[in-house]
Each structure stands twice: as C-alpha cells, then as structure tokens.
Protein backbone atom coordinates (compact mmCIF):
# COMPACT_ATOMS: atom_id res chain seq x y z
CA MET A 1 -8.44 -28.63 -17.93
CA ALA A 2 -7.54 -26.17 -15.19
CA ARG A 3 -7.99 -27.36 -11.63
CA PHE A 4 -10.74 -25.61 -9.65
CA ARG A 5 -9.43 -23.53 -6.77
CA PHE A 6 -11.74 -21.75 -4.34
CA ARG A 7 -9.82 -18.77 -2.99
CA LEU A 8 -11.88 -18.65 0.20
CA GLN A 9 -11.35 -22.34 1.05
CA THR A 10 -9.24 -21.52 4.11
CA LEU A 11 -11.97 -19.25 5.43
CA LEU A 12 -14.56 -21.96 4.74
CA HIS A 13 -12.51 -24.52 6.69
CA TYR A 14 -12.14 -22.05 9.56
CA ARG A 15 -15.89 -21.41 9.65
CA GLN A 16 -16.59 -25.15 9.55
CA HIS A 17 -14.23 -25.53 12.51
CA LEU A 18 -16.17 -22.83 14.40
CA VAL A 19 -19.42 -24.70 13.70
CA GLU A 20 -17.89 -27.88 15.12
CA GLN A 21 -16.72 -25.99 18.22
CA SER A 22 -20.21 -24.61 18.79
CA GLU A 23 -21.79 -28.04 18.30
CA GLN A 24 -19.43 -29.48 20.90
CA ALA A 25 -20.16 -26.61 23.30
CA VAL A 26 -23.92 -27.10 22.94
CA ALA A 27 -23.51 -30.84 23.55
CA ARG A 28 -21.33 -30.20 26.62
CA LEU A 29 -23.79 -27.66 28.03
CA SER A 30 -26.72 -29.99 27.38
CA ALA A 31 -24.91 -32.72 29.33
CA GLU A 32 -24.25 -30.25 32.18
CA GLU A 33 -27.91 -29.27 32.16
CA GLN A 34 -28.97 -32.91 32.35
CA ALA A 35 -26.56 -33.60 35.22
CA LEU A 36 -27.89 -30.60 37.15
CA LEU A 37 -31.48 -31.72 36.58
CA GLU A 38 -30.61 -35.15 37.97
CA GLN A 39 -28.94 -33.60 41.03
CA ILE A 40 -31.96 -31.37 41.64
CA HIS A 41 -34.28 -34.36 41.30
CA HIS A 42 -32.15 -36.36 43.74
CA CYS A 43 -32.08 -33.53 46.32
CA ARG A 44 -35.83 -32.94 46.05
CA ALA A 45 -36.51 -36.65 46.44
CA GLU A 46 -34.31 -36.67 49.54
CA LEU A 47 -36.16 -33.61 50.88
CA ASN A 48 -39.52 -35.26 50.31
CA SER A 49 -38.41 -38.47 51.98
CA ARG A 50 -37.25 -36.51 55.04
CA ALA A 51 -40.41 -34.38 55.27
CA ASP A 52 -42.52 -36.66 57.46
CA HIS A 53 -39.91 -38.54 59.44
CA GLY A 54 -39.93 -36.34 62.54
CA ALA A 55 -42.39 -38.36 64.63
CA GLY A 56 -40.80 -40.06 67.60
CA MET A 57 -37.52 -38.14 67.37
CA LYS A 58 -35.83 -36.34 70.20
CA ALA A 59 -35.39 -32.57 70.05
CA HIS A 60 -31.71 -32.83 69.16
CA GLN A 61 -32.44 -35.28 66.36
CA LEU A 62 -35.19 -32.98 65.06
CA GLN A 63 -32.73 -30.08 65.01
CA LEU A 64 -30.24 -32.16 63.04
CA GLN A 65 -33.01 -33.29 60.71
CA ASP A 66 -34.14 -29.69 60.14
CA ALA A 67 -30.56 -28.54 59.56
CA TYR A 68 -30.07 -31.33 57.02
CA ARG A 69 -33.33 -30.44 55.27
CA GLN A 70 -32.25 -26.78 55.20
CA GLN A 71 -28.93 -27.78 53.64
CA LEU A 72 -30.80 -29.81 51.03
CA ALA A 73 -33.11 -26.86 50.28
CA ASP A 74 -30.10 -24.54 49.97
CA ARG A 75 -28.43 -27.06 47.68
CA VAL A 76 -31.56 -27.21 45.49
CA ARG A 77 -31.61 -23.40 45.21
CA LEU A 78 -27.91 -23.33 44.31
CA LEU A 79 -28.37 -26.07 41.71
CA GLU A 80 -31.36 -24.23 40.24
CA ARG A 81 -29.28 -21.05 39.87
CA GLN A 82 -26.54 -23.07 38.21
CA LEU A 83 -29.15 -24.67 35.95
CA ASP A 84 -30.47 -21.25 34.92
CA ALA A 85 -26.92 -20.11 34.12
CA VAL A 86 -26.18 -23.24 32.08
CA ARG A 87 -29.47 -22.92 30.20
CA SER A 88 -28.71 -19.28 29.38
CA GLU A 89 -25.22 -20.17 28.22
CA ARG A 90 -26.55 -23.07 26.13
CA GLN A 91 -29.13 -20.77 24.53
CA ARG A 92 -26.43 -18.23 23.66
CA GLU A 93 -24.23 -20.98 22.25
CA GLN A 94 -27.13 -22.35 20.18
CA GLU A 95 -27.70 -18.88 18.75
CA ARG A 96 -23.98 -18.60 18.01
CA LEU A 97 -24.14 -22.02 16.33
CA VAL A 98 -26.98 -20.88 14.08
CA GLU A 99 -25.04 -17.74 13.11
CA ARG A 100 -21.91 -19.76 12.40
CA MET A 101 -23.84 -22.30 10.34
CA GLN A 102 -25.39 -19.51 8.29
CA ALA A 103 -21.98 -17.92 7.67
CA CYS A 104 -20.63 -21.31 6.62
CA ASP A 105 -23.62 -21.92 4.32
CA VAL A 106 -23.00 -18.61 2.56
CA LEU A 107 -19.45 -19.65 1.73
CA GLU A 108 -20.51 -23.16 0.73
CA ARG A 109 -23.12 -21.74 -1.67
CA LEU A 110 -20.53 -19.34 -3.08
CA ARG A 111 -18.08 -22.21 -3.52
CA GLU A 112 -20.73 -24.27 -5.33
CA ARG A 113 -21.60 -21.35 -7.60
CA ARG A 114 -17.92 -20.77 -8.41
CA LEU A 115 -17.46 -24.47 -9.10
CA GLN A 116 -20.38 -24.41 -11.54
CA GLU A 117 -18.98 -21.29 -13.22
CA HIS A 118 -15.60 -22.99 -13.49
CA ALA A 119 -17.14 -26.11 -15.04
CA TYR A 120 -19.13 -23.98 -17.49
CA THR A 121 -16.01 -22.03 -18.49
CA GLU A 122 -14.04 -25.24 -18.92
CA ARG A 123 -16.75 -26.76 -21.14
CA ARG A 124 -16.99 -23.56 -23.18
CA ASP A 125 -13.21 -23.38 -23.64
CA GLU A 126 -13.09 -27.04 -24.60
CA GLN A 127 -15.88 -26.52 -27.13
CA ASN A 128 -14.05 -23.50 -28.57
CA GLN A 129 -10.90 -25.59 -28.96
CA LEU A 130 -12.85 -28.34 -30.70
CA ASP A 131 -14.45 -25.75 -33.00
CA ASP A 132 -11.01 -24.34 -33.83
CA ILE A 133 -9.67 -27.81 -34.64
CA ALA A 134 -12.67 -28.57 -36.85
CA THR A 135 -12.30 -25.21 -38.64
CA ARG A 136 -8.60 -25.84 -39.29
CA GLN A 137 -9.31 -29.32 -40.58
CA ARG A 138 -11.97 -27.98 -42.98
CA ARG A 139 -9.62 -25.28 -44.21
CA ALA A 140 -6.89 -27.83 -44.70
CA ARG A 141 -9.23 -30.09 -46.69
CA SER A 142 -10.52 -27.14 -48.70
CA SER A 143 -6.98 -26.05 -49.46
CA ALA A 144 -5.95 -29.58 -50.39
CA ASN A 145 -8.99 -30.03 -52.63
CA GLY A 146 -8.60 -26.61 -54.19
CA LEU A 147 -5.02 -27.19 -55.27
C-alpha cells in the first residue's frame, strides 16, 4: 500500500502557523484593550472623587487641584484615543484571522478529499490484485483438471 502524501502539506502547515499568529495577536490586543479600559476607569474614578473636594481649600490648592484634574482629563482622552486605535487594530486582526482560517480550511478540505481518493484508489488496486490472483488460481485449476 502506497503511503499518502499531500503535496501541499508545507503550505497547509504555513497557513496553520499564520492562523496561530493571528490568534495570538487578537489575544494580545484584547488584553491591551482590557488594560486600557481599566486605566480609563481608574482615571475617571479619580476625576469623580476629586470633583467636589474644593470646599475649604485655599486658592493655590484649588489651582493645583484643577491642574491635577485637567491632567487626569487629558490622560483619559489620550487613553480613549489609544483604546480606539487598539480596537481598530484588533478588528483588523480578527478579520485577518477569519481570512486565514478560511484559507486553511480550504486546504484541509482538499487534503481530506485527496486522502479519501487515495484510500479509494488503494482499495480498488487491492481488489484488482485479489481478482487477478483468483483468476490465475481458477485458470491453474482448470488447466490441472483439463490435463
């Protein structure tokens, strides 16, 4: 029985590797997104806690408080821009992952079809060999009986 060999196996392995790379990239970007969301939440909570603490402060302290709140607001805006960029990149990578998975699936289906064709051919060849052996044995018996 001849061993099955899929000629596009190297390409299939390469495409599977690309799928793994995209899966890792999506996971990394999702973790980045989560970290940014936590930072934004922390900054907003800090902003909210500082919102009503101006009573009884001196003018200089109020200025420092306002400057700190402005820095927090700027930080939130920066983090939100970074979050938008990470979300866009994650979306692109997810789309790339889907494309790569589809390309890999095409090759896997082709490999499966070729494997089935190979098995069918092997069974057919084996059956032909058995038929040939049986035919020869019958001829040999017929010849032996006819003599």
